[in-house]
Structures are given as structure tokens and as C-alpha cells.
């Protein structure tokens, strides 16, 4: 399992986590995996064009629960393989949902440190 600290407010895990996203301009939900995940946001990739500032709905499947929230695309970048990577900031997490994400991330960090 990968875990990485950067100059961020929250730690992130780099293991993929299953998620569903739907963009405000397109109501279809897309299954995807996170590229990294923290209590304040996540990074994803897709084949479709994504604009910074786009609003979306996110459902992240944790082990025993699902966290649902609104999000905003903060940045986009094009990878050499043609995928669009984009960072999402979570906008309306409840205290309970943020605590679930923090616990999930910290538990993965502890497992990564033990390896």
C-alpha cells in the first residue's frame, strides 16, 4: 500500500479507492478509482475533458460505508497517455463523513507504515 505526505493540510493515500462521480453538466454517473485520496479531496483520471471549476457529485466507497458529497475541480492536467487527471476538493462533507475519511486514510497510513 502506498502512502505519501506532501505539503497538504491532510495526508493522502495513493491506493485506488472505488468512487462514482457525476458532473453537473452531465447527469450520468461514472465509476472510477481515486489516484489519491484525503479527507479534503481526491485526484482522479478520465478520458473525457474536464474543466477546472466544474462541479460534481461524488460517492466514495469505503470499506463499510459510502461517503457522498459535492466537489469542485480545482485543477486539470493531461497525462502523456491521453488521460485527463484532475483534483477535486470536497465541498460539503459533514463532520461524520470527514471523520470517516480521516479514519480510513489514517488506518491505511498505519498499514503502509507497518509493511
C-alpha atoms as a PDB file:
ATOM      1  CA  UNK A   1       0.000   0.000   0.000  1.00  0.00           C
ATOM      2  CA  UNK A   2       1.260   3.425  -0.824  1.00  0.00           C
ATOM      3  CA  UNK A   3       1.053   6.425   1.455  1.00  0.00           C
ATOM      4  CA  UNK A   4       2.522   9.818   0.822  1.00  0.00           C
ATOM      5  CA  UNK A   5       2.853  13.061   2.764  1.00  0.00           C
ATOM      6  CA  UNK A   6       3.118  16.340   0.915  1.00  0.00           C
ATOM      7  CA  UNK A   7       2.700  19.943   1.932  1.00  0.00           C
ATOM      8  CA  UNK A   8      -1.010  19.442   2.331  1.00  0.00           C
ATOM      9  CA  UNK A   9      -3.434  20.072   5.120  1.00  0.00           C
ATOM     10  CA  UNK A  10      -4.305  16.351   5.232  1.00  0.00           C
ATOM     11  CA  UNK A  11      -2.365  13.172   4.475  1.00  0.00           C
ATOM     12  CA  UNK A  12      -3.342  11.208   1.377  1.00  0.00           C
ATOM     13  CA  UNK A  13      -3.315   7.572   0.393  1.00  0.00           C
ATOM     14  CA  UNK A  14      -2.248   6.519  -3.085  1.00  0.00           C
ATOM     15  CA  UNK A  15      -4.061   3.175  -3.194  1.00  0.00           C
ATOM     16  CA  UNK A  16      -7.085   3.216  -5.513  1.00  0.00           C
ATOM     17  CA  UNK A  17     -10.486   3.572  -3.881  1.00  0.00           C
ATOM     18  CA  UNK A  18     -13.731   2.946  -5.754  1.00  0.00           C
ATOM     19  CA  UNK A  19     -15.838   6.044  -6.427  1.00  0.00           C
ATOM     20  CA  UNK A  20     -18.739   7.269  -8.552  1.00  0.00           C
ATOM     21  CA  UNK A  21     -18.699  10.775  -9.969  1.00  0.00           C
ATOM     22  CA  UNK A  22     -21.287  12.721 -11.912  1.00  0.00           C
ATOM     23  CA  UNK A  23     -20.626  16.136 -13.364  1.00  0.00           C
ATOM     24  CA  UNK A  24     -23.210  18.891 -13.017  1.00  0.00           C
ATOM     25  CA  UNK A  25     -23.314  19.335 -16.812  1.00  0.00           C
ATOM     26  CA  UNK A  26     -23.782  15.582 -17.381  1.00  0.00           C
ATOM     27  CA  UNK A  27     -26.062  13.691 -15.018  1.00  0.00           C
ATOM     28  CA  UNK A  28     -24.637  10.237 -15.846  1.00  0.00           C
ATOM     29  CA  UNK A  29     -22.601   8.655 -13.036  1.00  0.00           C
ATOM     30  CA  UNK A  30     -19.167   7.299 -13.931  1.00  0.00           C
ATOM     31  CA  UNK A  31     -17.432   4.572 -11.964  1.00  0.00           C
ATOM     32  CA  UNK A  32     -13.785   5.332 -11.345  1.00  0.00           C
ATOM     33  CA  UNK A  33     -10.897   4.857  -8.932  1.00  0.00           C
ATOM     34  CA  UNK A  34      -9.119   7.534  -6.966  1.00  0.00           C
ATOM     35  CA  UNK A  35      -5.456   8.152  -7.791  1.00  0.00           C
ATOM     36  CA  UNK A  36      -5.033   9.575  -4.315  1.00  0.00           C
ATOM     37  CA  UNK A  37      -7.475  10.335  -1.533  1.00  0.00           C
ATOM     38  CA  UNK A  38      -7.504  12.514   1.555  1.00  0.00           C
ATOM     39  CA  UNK A  39     -10.169  13.905   3.883  1.00  0.00           C
ATOM     40  CA  UNK A  40     -10.269  17.172   1.927  1.00  0.00           C
ATOM     41  CA  UNK A  41     -10.167  15.933  -1.655  1.00  0.00           C
ATOM     42  CA  UNK A  42      -9.101  13.382  -4.225  1.00  0.00           C
ATOM     43  CA  UNK A  43      -7.379  13.014  -7.574  1.00  0.00           C
ATOM     44  CA  UNK A  44      -8.990  11.146 -10.457  1.00  0.00           C
ATOM     45  CA  UNK A  45      -8.317  10.471 -14.138  1.00  0.00           C
ATOM     46  CA  UNK A  46     -10.636  10.101 -17.107  1.00  0.00           C
ATOM     47  CA  UNK A  47     -10.698  10.005 -20.895  1.00  0.00           C
ATOM     48  CA  UNK A  48     -13.191  12.890 -21.068  1.00  0.00           C
ATOM     49  CA  UNK A  49     -12.418  16.603 -20.999  1.00  0.00           C
ATOM     50  CA  UNK A  50     -12.725  18.152 -17.552  1.00  0.00           C
ATOM     51  CA  UNK A  51     -12.673  21.867 -16.840  1.00  0.00           C
ATOM     52  CA  UNK A  52     -11.271  23.485 -13.707  1.00  0.00           C
ATOM     53  CA  UNK A  53     -14.165  24.873 -11.710  1.00  0.00           C
ATOM     54  CA  UNK A  54     -16.578  22.118 -12.779  1.00  0.00           C
ATOM     55  CA  UNK A  55     -18.984  20.992 -10.060  1.00  0.00           C
ATOM     56  CA  UNK A  56     -19.668  17.326  -9.453  1.00  0.00           C
ATOM     57  CA  UNK A  57     -21.237  14.825  -7.086  1.00  0.00           C
ATOM     58  CA  UNK A  58     -19.004  12.152  -5.600  1.00  0.00           C
ATOM     59  CA  UNK A  59     -19.720   8.873  -3.830  1.00  0.00           C
ATOM     60  CA  UNK A  60     -16.634   7.186  -2.357  1.00  0.00           C
ATOM     61  CA  UNK A  61     -16.937   3.568  -1.288  1.00  0.00           C
ATOM     62  CA  UNK A  62     -15.052   2.992   1.948  1.00  0.00           C
ATOM     63  CA  UNK A  63     -14.869  -0.488   3.457  1.00  0.00           C
ATOM     64  CA  UNK A  64     -18.144  -0.409   5.343  1.00  0.00           C
ATOM     65  CA  UNK A  65     -19.780   2.828   4.247  1.00  0.00           C
ATOM     66  CA  UNK A  66     -20.148   5.312   1.419  1.00  0.00           C
ATOM     67  CA  UNK A  67     -19.274   8.988   1.705  1.00  0.00           C
ATOM     68  CA  UNK A  68     -21.265  11.265  -0.583  1.00  0.00           C
ATOM     69  CA  UNK A  69     -20.587  14.940  -1.183  1.00  0.00           C
ATOM     70  CA  UNK A  70     -20.351  17.735  -3.695  1.00  0.00           C
ATOM     71  CA  UNK A  71     -16.991  18.607  -5.171  1.00  0.00           C
ATOM     72  CA  UNK A  72     -15.236  21.190  -7.283  1.00  0.00           C
ATOM     73  CA  UNK A  73     -12.489  20.501  -9.815  1.00  0.00           C
ATOM     74  CA  UNK A  74      -9.523  22.618  -8.698  1.00  0.00           C
ATOM     75  CA  UNK A  75      -7.046  21.718 -11.442  1.00  0.00           C
ATOM     76  CA  UNK A  76      -6.614  19.549 -14.531  1.00  0.00           C
ATOM     77  CA  UNK A  77      -3.559  18.134 -16.256  1.00  0.00           C
ATOM     78  CA  UNK A  78      -3.077  15.994 -19.345  1.00  0.00           C
ATOM     79  CA  UNK A  79      -1.030  12.834 -18.916  1.00  0.00           C
ATOM     80  CA  UNK A  80       1.181  11.510 -21.742  1.00  0.00           C
ATOM     81  CA  UNK A  81      -1.160   8.516 -22.167  1.00  0.00           C
ATOM     82  CA  UNK A  82      -4.079  10.805 -23.066  1.00  0.00           C
ATOM     83  CA  UNK A  83      -5.842  10.648 -19.717  1.00  0.00           C
ATOM     84  CA  UNK A  84      -7.015  13.827 -18.040  1.00  0.00           C
ATOM     85  CA  UNK A  85      -6.003  13.950 -14.375  1.00  0.00           C
ATOM     86  CA  UNK A  86      -7.949  16.283 -12.137  1.00  0.00           C
ATOM     87  CA  UNK A  87      -8.003  17.273  -8.487  1.00  0.00           C
ATOM     88  CA  UNK A  88     -11.284  17.643  -6.620  1.00  0.00           C
ATOM     89  CA  UNK A  89     -11.879  19.500  -3.379  1.00  0.00           C
ATOM     90  CA  UNK A  90     -14.762  18.159  -1.285  1.00  0.00           C
ATOM     91  CA  UNK A  91     -17.226  20.951  -0.539  1.00  0.00           C
ATOM     92  CA  UNK A  92     -19.944  19.814   1.829  1.00  0.00           C
ATOM     93  CA  UNK A  93     -18.717  16.920   3.936  1.00  0.00           C
ATOM     94  CA  UNK A  94     -20.492  16.543   7.243  1.00  0.00           C
ATOM     95  CA  UNK A  95     -18.334  16.171  10.351  1.00  0.00           C
ATOM     96  CA  UNK A  96     -19.224  12.470  10.409  1.00  0.00           C
ATOM     97  CA  UNK A  97     -18.202  11.958   6.773  1.00  0.00           C
ATOM     98  CA  UNK A  98     -14.940  13.862   7.238  1.00  0.00           C
ATOM     99  CA  UNK A  99     -14.196  11.749  10.320  1.00  0.00           C
ATOM    100  CA  UNK A 100     -14.873   8.545   8.314  1.00  0.00           C
ATOM    101  CA  UNK A 101     -12.454   9.682   5.604  1.00  0.00           C
ATOM    102  CA  UNK A 102      -9.793  10.713   8.126  1.00  0.00           C
ATOM    103  CA  UNK A 103     -10.069   7.366   9.906  1.00  0.00           C
ATOM    104  CA  UNK A 104      -9.888   5.496   6.580  1.00  0.00           C
ATOM    105  CA  UNK A 105      -6.779   7.430   5.485  1.00  0.00           C
ATOM    106  CA  UNK A 106      -5.033   7.094   8.852  1.00  0.00           C
ATOM    107  CA  UNK A 107      -5.791   3.360   9.017  1.00  0.00           C
ATOM    108  CA  UNK A 108      -4.227   2.904   5.560  1.00  0.00           C
ATOM    109  CA  UNK A 109      -1.246   5.018   6.657  1.00  0.00           C
ATOM    110  CA  UNK A 110      -0.699   2.770   9.660  1.00  0.00           C
ATOM    111  CA  UNK A 111      -0.886  -0.345   7.467  1.00  0.00           C
ATOM    112  CA  UNK A 112       1.584   1.149   4.965  1.00  0.00           C
ATOM    113  CA  UNK A 113       3.999   2.062   7.762  1.00  0.00           C
ATOM    114  CA  UNK A 114       3.843  -1.498   9.099  1.00  0.00           C
ATOM    115  CA  UNK A 115       4.943  -3.006   5.761  1.00  0.00           C
END
